[in-house]
Amino acid sequence: MDVLLEESNLPWWLHGALDRKEGAQSRAKGDAILEKKARKLGMTTALKRGIFFAISNAEDYLHGAANIARLQLKQSSDVREVLNVIFKCACSEKKENPFYSHLLGAYCKNEGRRALFSLKVLAFELLEDNVGAMSEKEVHHSSCLLAHALIEEYLSFSVLKSMQTGEVSGSAKRRLQLCTIFDRIFKKASRDRLKHLINAAFSSFSAKDRSFEDLQQVLLDVCAALRLSLETDIKNVDAANRKKKSTEDRVGEALGPSPLTSLI
């Protein structure tokens, strides 16, 4: 008989029941935590809660997409609600979580045109409405989702036309939103995809549009930020190399010349 069974002082036939009881208690505790989070995020309807639990109980984004598919949501309003919950959950994270970007992509791929249309409407709302009510974290996280959708071409750059004229230069959060989108595109897209995306971005606008000027300025800001980041990285590497060389020189002086040098 197993030593652990002997030490527990329980008959062998009760151990299975004990394991099941502990598992049930653990699941109940986990469900209670999710219930609390669902209430905090405003998941007040049965549909929202069902979608939220399908996502939260997933092991990875493919499992999450499969869980949502099992809900068999057929109405266009249901598809829209799935996207709302994905964005809501993503924005609630302390740090940006790539899980939601990949989940969004998998869901759009599974649902096809219905999801793409609903995502376009949601993107219009995020870009058109005043972002002043959103926190900087929410602006950043939602922008990362939009960037992923643009990179994977679930969205076209024409959605950027929904920006209010002149708002980019007047709103810090709007600039954060667009800079985050293009910063993510510059960093995550492959070289060929990046060239394609930049061409698509500019072809979506007329040079006479005020939005075209805003887009130009955003791209310049992103390029400047990337250049500054690169220069900072280079300086840090140079400083680390100088420090390493200085340390090696001091160690060499402390140890003195190698005995082999007298043989050279």
Protein backbone atom coordinates (compact mmCIF):
# COMPACT_ATOMS: atom_id res chain seq x y z
CA MET A 1 0.00 0.00 0.00
CA ASP A 2 1.17 3.53 -0.75
CA VAL A 3 3.06 5.17 2.13
CA LEU A 4 1.03 8.36 1.79
CA LEU A 5 -2.18 6.38 2.19
CA GLU A 6 -0.85 4.72 5.33
CA GLU A 7 0.25 8.03 6.85
CA SER A 8 -3.13 9.68 6.26
CA ASN A 9 -4.89 7.24 8.64
CA LEU A 10 -7.81 6.94 6.21
CA PRO A 11 -9.16 3.70 4.70
CA TRP A 12 -8.04 3.33 1.09
CA TRP A 13 -11.60 3.43 -0.22
CA LEU A 14 -12.13 6.94 1.22
CA HIS A 15 -9.18 8.56 -0.52
CA GLY A 16 -10.97 8.94 -3.85
CA ALA A 17 -13.86 10.66 -2.12
CA LEU A 18 -11.43 12.95 -0.27
CA ASP A 19 -9.69 13.93 -3.52
CA ARG A 20 -13.02 14.68 -5.16
CA LYS A 21 -14.07 16.78 -2.18
CA GLU A 22 -10.84 18.80 -2.25
CA GLY A 23 -11.18 19.26 -6.01
CA ALA A 24 -14.75 20.47 -5.61
CA GLN A 25 -13.70 22.91 -2.88
CA SER A 26 -10.90 24.25 -5.08
CA ARG A 27 -13.28 24.71 -8.02
CA ALA A 28 -15.83 26.41 -5.77
CA LYS A 29 -13.16 28.83 -4.54
CA GLY A 30 -12.08 29.56 -8.11
CA ASP A 31 -15.69 30.12 -9.18
CA ALA A 32 -16.19 32.54 -6.28
CA ILE A 33 -13.17 34.57 -7.41
CA LEU A 34 -14.47 34.67 -10.98
CA GLU A 35 -17.95 35.65 -9.76
CA LYS A 36 -16.45 38.57 -7.88
CA LYS A 37 -14.45 39.69 -10.92
CA ALA A 38 -17.50 39.32 -13.18
CA ARG A 39 -19.49 41.66 -10.94
CA LYS A 40 -16.60 44.13 -10.84
CA LEU A 41 -16.44 44.22 -14.65
CA GLY A 42 -20.18 44.73 -14.98
CA MET A 43 -21.04 41.28 -16.35
CA THR A 44 -24.65 41.67 -15.28
CA THR A 45 -26.50 39.62 -17.91
CA ALA A 46 -26.49 35.85 -18.38
CA LEU A 47 -24.93 36.29 -21.82
CA LYS A 48 -22.06 38.44 -20.57
CA ARG A 49 -21.41 36.09 -17.68
CA GLY A 50 -21.43 33.05 -19.96
CA ILE A 51 -18.90 34.65 -22.31
CA PHE A 52 -16.77 35.85 -19.39
CA PHE A 53 -16.60 32.37 -17.82
CA ALA A 54 -15.88 30.77 -21.20
CA ILE A 55 -12.86 33.07 -21.56
CA SER A 56 -11.69 32.96 -17.94
CA ASN A 57 -11.76 29.15 -17.72
CA ALA A 58 -9.66 28.71 -20.87
CA GLU A 59 -6.20 27.17 -20.76
CA ASP A 60 -5.09 29.15 -23.83
CA TYR A 61 -6.61 31.34 -26.54
CA LEU A 62 -7.60 28.37 -28.74
CA HIS A 63 -9.37 26.78 -25.79
CA GLY A 64 -11.05 30.13 -25.12
CA ALA A 65 -12.29 30.39 -28.73
CA ALA A 66 -13.57 26.80 -28.53
CA ASN A 67 -15.39 27.57 -25.26
CA ILE A 68 -17.09 30.57 -26.88
CA ALA A 69 -18.05 28.46 -29.92
CA ARG A 70 -19.73 25.94 -27.60
CA LEU A 71 -22.06 28.70 -26.40
CA GLN A 72 -23.62 28.57 -29.91
CA LEU A 73 -24.28 32.30 -30.14
CA LYS A 74 -26.12 32.97 -33.38
CA GLN A 75 -27.39 36.55 -33.18
CA SER A 76 -25.35 39.51 -34.44
CA SER A 77 -25.88 41.17 -31.06
CA ASP A 78 -24.31 38.11 -29.42
CA VAL A 79 -21.21 38.43 -31.60
CA ARG A 80 -20.92 42.07 -30.64
CA GLU A 81 -21.22 41.14 -26.97
CA VAL A 82 -18.38 38.62 -27.29
CA LEU A 83 -16.11 41.36 -28.67
CA ASN A 84 -17.18 43.76 -25.92
CA VAL A 85 -16.33 41.19 -23.23
CA ILE A 86 -12.93 40.43 -24.82
CA PHE A 87 -12.05 44.14 -24.85
CA LYS A 88 -13.42 44.62 -21.33
CA CYS A 89 -11.37 41.73 -19.95
CA ALA A 90 -8.24 42.89 -21.78
CA CYS A 91 -8.55 46.41 -20.39
CA SER A 92 -8.97 45.08 -16.83
CA GLU A 93 -5.51 43.47 -16.80
CA LYS A 94 -2.72 45.27 -14.96
CA LYS A 95 -0.37 44.70 -17.89
CA GLU A 96 -1.15 44.13 -21.55
CA ASN A 97 -1.87 40.41 -22.06
CA PRO A 98 -1.30 38.98 -25.58
CA PHE A 99 -3.83 36.24 -24.78
CA TYR A 100 -6.69 38.59 -25.65
CA SER A 101 -5.17 39.69 -28.97
CA HIS A 102 -4.79 36.07 -30.06
CA LEU A 103 -8.26 35.21 -28.74
CA LEU A 104 -9.71 38.11 -30.73
CA GLY A 105 -7.99 36.84 -33.87
CA ALA A 106 -9.11 33.25 -33.33
CA TYR A 107 -12.70 34.33 -32.71
CA CYS A 108 -12.79 36.54 -35.83
CA LYS A 109 -11.34 33.69 -37.88
CA ASN A 110 -13.98 31.27 -36.57
CA GLU A 111 -16.95 33.62 -36.97
CA GLY A 112 -15.96 35.24 -40.25
CA ARG A 113 -17.84 38.22 -41.67
CA ARG A 114 -20.20 38.71 -38.73
CA ALA A 115 -17.30 39.16 -36.32
CA LEU A 116 -15.36 41.36 -38.75
CA PHE A 117 -18.32 43.70 -39.19
CA SER A 118 -18.93 43.93 -35.43
CA LEU A 119 -15.21 44.53 -34.82
CA LYS A 120 -15.25 47.36 -37.35
CA VAL A 121 -18.21 48.99 -35.57
CA LEU A 122 -16.45 48.63 -32.21
CA ALA A 123 -13.24 50.12 -33.65
CA PHE A 124 -15.21 53.08 -35.04
CA GLU A 125 -16.63 53.71 -31.57
CA LEU A 126 -13.23 53.52 -29.88
CA LEU A 127 -11.70 55.91 -32.42
CA GLU A 128 -14.66 58.24 -32.85
CA ASP A 129 -15.97 58.73 -29.33
CA ASN A 130 -14.19 60.81 -26.75
CA VAL A 131 -11.56 58.68 -25.01
CA GLY A 132 -11.48 61.07 -22.07
CA ALA A 133 -13.61 58.71 -19.98
CA MET A 134 -11.06 55.90 -20.41
CA SER A 135 -7.99 55.50 -18.24
CA GLU A 136 -4.57 55.54 -19.89
CA LYS A 137 -4.27 51.82 -19.19
CA GLU A 138 -7.58 51.12 -20.94
CA VAL A 139 -6.55 53.28 -23.90
CA HIS A 140 -3.25 51.41 -24.18
CA HIS A 141 -4.67 47.89 -23.85
CA SER A 142 -7.56 48.47 -26.27
CA SER A 143 -5.12 50.01 -28.76
CA CYS A 144 -2.96 46.88 -28.60
CA LEU A 145 -6.02 44.83 -29.60
CA LEU A 146 -6.77 47.19 -32.49
CA ALA A 147 -3.14 47.03 -33.63
CA HIS A 148 -3.25 43.22 -33.68
CA ALA A 149 -6.46 43.34 -35.72
CA LEU A 150 -4.81 45.73 -38.20
CA ILE A 151 -1.66 43.61 -38.47
CA GLU A 152 -3.71 40.46 -39.14
CA GLU A 153 -6.00 42.47 -41.45
CA TYR A 154 -9.19 41.82 -39.52
CA LEU A 155 -9.49 45.62 -39.71
CA SER A 156 -8.56 48.03 -42.50
CA PHE A 157 -6.94 51.41 -41.96
CA SER A 158 -10.10 53.11 -43.18
CA VAL A 159 -11.37 52.88 -39.58
CA LEU A 160 -8.93 55.66 -38.68
CA LYS A 161 -11.06 58.05 -40.74
CA SER A 162 -13.58 58.02 -37.89
CA MET A 163 -11.23 60.22 -35.83
CA GLN A 164 -12.61 63.64 -35.04
CA THR A 165 -10.81 66.30 -37.09
CA GLY A 166 -8.20 68.07 -35.03
CA GLU A 167 -8.73 65.84 -32.00
CA VAL A 168 -5.39 64.07 -32.43
CA SER A 169 -3.40 67.23 -31.83
CA GLY A 170 -5.69 68.34 -29.00
CA SER A 171 -6.12 65.14 -27.02
CA ALA A 172 -3.25 63.46 -25.18
CA LYS A 173 -5.20 60.20 -24.86
CA ARG A 174 -6.06 60.19 -28.57
CA ARG A 175 -2.39 60.59 -29.41
CA LEU A 176 -1.58 57.81 -26.94
CA GLN A 177 -4.15 55.64 -28.68
CA LEU A 178 -2.77 56.15 -32.18
CA CYS A 179 0.89 56.10 -31.13
CA THR A 180 0.28 52.79 -29.34
CA ILE A 181 -1.38 51.33 -32.43
CA PHE A 182 1.46 52.29 -34.77
CA ASP A 183 4.19 51.54 -32.23
CA ARG A 184 2.81 48.01 -31.89
CA ILE A 185 2.56 47.63 -35.67
CA PHE A 186 6.19 48.76 -36.13
CA LYS A 187 7.41 46.33 -33.48
CA LYS A 188 5.26 43.26 -34.19
CA ALA A 189 4.71 43.17 -37.95
CA SER A 190 7.20 41.44 -40.22
CA ARG A 191 9.17 43.59 -42.66
CA ASP A 192 7.03 42.67 -45.68
CA ARG A 193 3.80 43.05 -43.73
CA LEU A 194 4.97 46.40 -42.37
CA LYS A 195 5.59 47.75 -45.89
CA HIS A 196 2.15 46.54 -46.92
CA LEU A 197 0.49 48.07 -43.86
CA ILE A 198 2.15 51.48 -44.32
CA ASN A 199 1.04 51.57 -47.95
CA ALA A 200 -2.46 50.56 -46.89
CA ALA A 201 -2.53 53.25 -44.21
CA PHE A 202 -1.65 56.09 -46.57
CA SER A 203 -3.81 54.80 -49.42
CA SER A 204 -6.83 54.97 -47.07
CA PHE A 205 -6.49 58.76 -46.82
CA SER A 206 -6.55 61.67 -49.19
CA ALA A 207 -3.69 64.17 -48.91
CA LYS A 208 -6.36 66.87 -48.56
CA ASP A 209 -7.87 65.27 -45.45
CA ARG A 210 -7.01 66.71 -42.07
CA SER A 211 -6.86 63.08 -40.90
CA PHE A 212 -3.99 62.55 -43.36
CA GLU A 213 -1.98 65.26 -41.61
CA ASP A 214 -2.79 63.70 -38.23
CA LEU A 215 -1.66 60.30 -39.50
CA GLN A 216 1.60 61.77 -40.79
CA GLN A 217 2.29 63.39 -37.43
CA VAL A 218 1.52 60.21 -35.51
CA LEU A 219 3.90 58.20 -37.70
CA LEU A 220 6.61 60.84 -37.21
CA ASP A 221 6.06 60.69 -33.44
CA VAL A 222 6.31 56.90 -33.43
CA CYS A 223 9.47 56.94 -35.55
CA ALA A 224 11.03 59.53 -33.24
CA ALA A 225 10.12 57.45 -30.18
CA LEU A 226 11.55 54.29 -31.74
CA ARG A 227 14.75 56.13 -32.70
CA LEU A 228 15.09 57.50 -29.17
CA SER A 229 14.51 54.03 -27.73
CA LEU A 230 17.15 52.57 -30.05
CA GLU A 231 19.66 55.29 -29.15
CA THR A 232 19.00 54.65 -25.45
CA ASP A 233 19.56 50.90 -25.93
CA ILE A 234 22.83 51.56 -27.76
CA LYS A 235 24.01 53.89 -24.98
CA ASN A 236 23.12 51.30 -22.34
CA VAL A 237 25.03 48.58 -24.21
CA ASP A 238 28.07 50.86 -24.62
CA ALA A 239 27.98 51.77 -20.93
CA ALA A 240 27.73 48.10 -19.95
CA ASN A 241 30.67 47.21 -22.22
CA ARG A 242 32.80 50.03 -20.78
CA LYS A 243 31.96 48.92 -17.26
CA LYS A 244 32.83 45.31 -18.10
CA LYS A 245 36.16 46.33 -19.65
CA SER A 246 36.98 48.54 -16.68
CA THR A 247 36.26 45.66 -14.29
CA GLU A 248 38.43 43.28 -16.33
CA ASP A 249 41.29 45.81 -16.33
CA ARG A 250 41.10 46.22 -12.55
CA VAL A 251 41.06 42.45 -12.04
CA GLY A 252 44.06 42.11 -14.36
CA GLU A 253 46.00 44.74 -12.42
CA ALA A 254 45.18 43.05 -9.11
CA LEU A 255 46.32 39.63 -10.33
CA GLY A 256 49.48 40.93 -11.94
CA PRO A 257 51.03 39.62 -15.16
CA SER A 258 50.52 36.00 -16.09
CA PRO A 259 53.55 33.69 -15.53
CA LEU A 260 53.28 32.76 -19.20
CA THR A 261 54.11 36.30 -20.29
CA SER A 262 57.75 35.77 -19.30
CA LEU A 263 57.95 32.89 -21.78
CA ILE A 264 56.75 35.00 -24.72
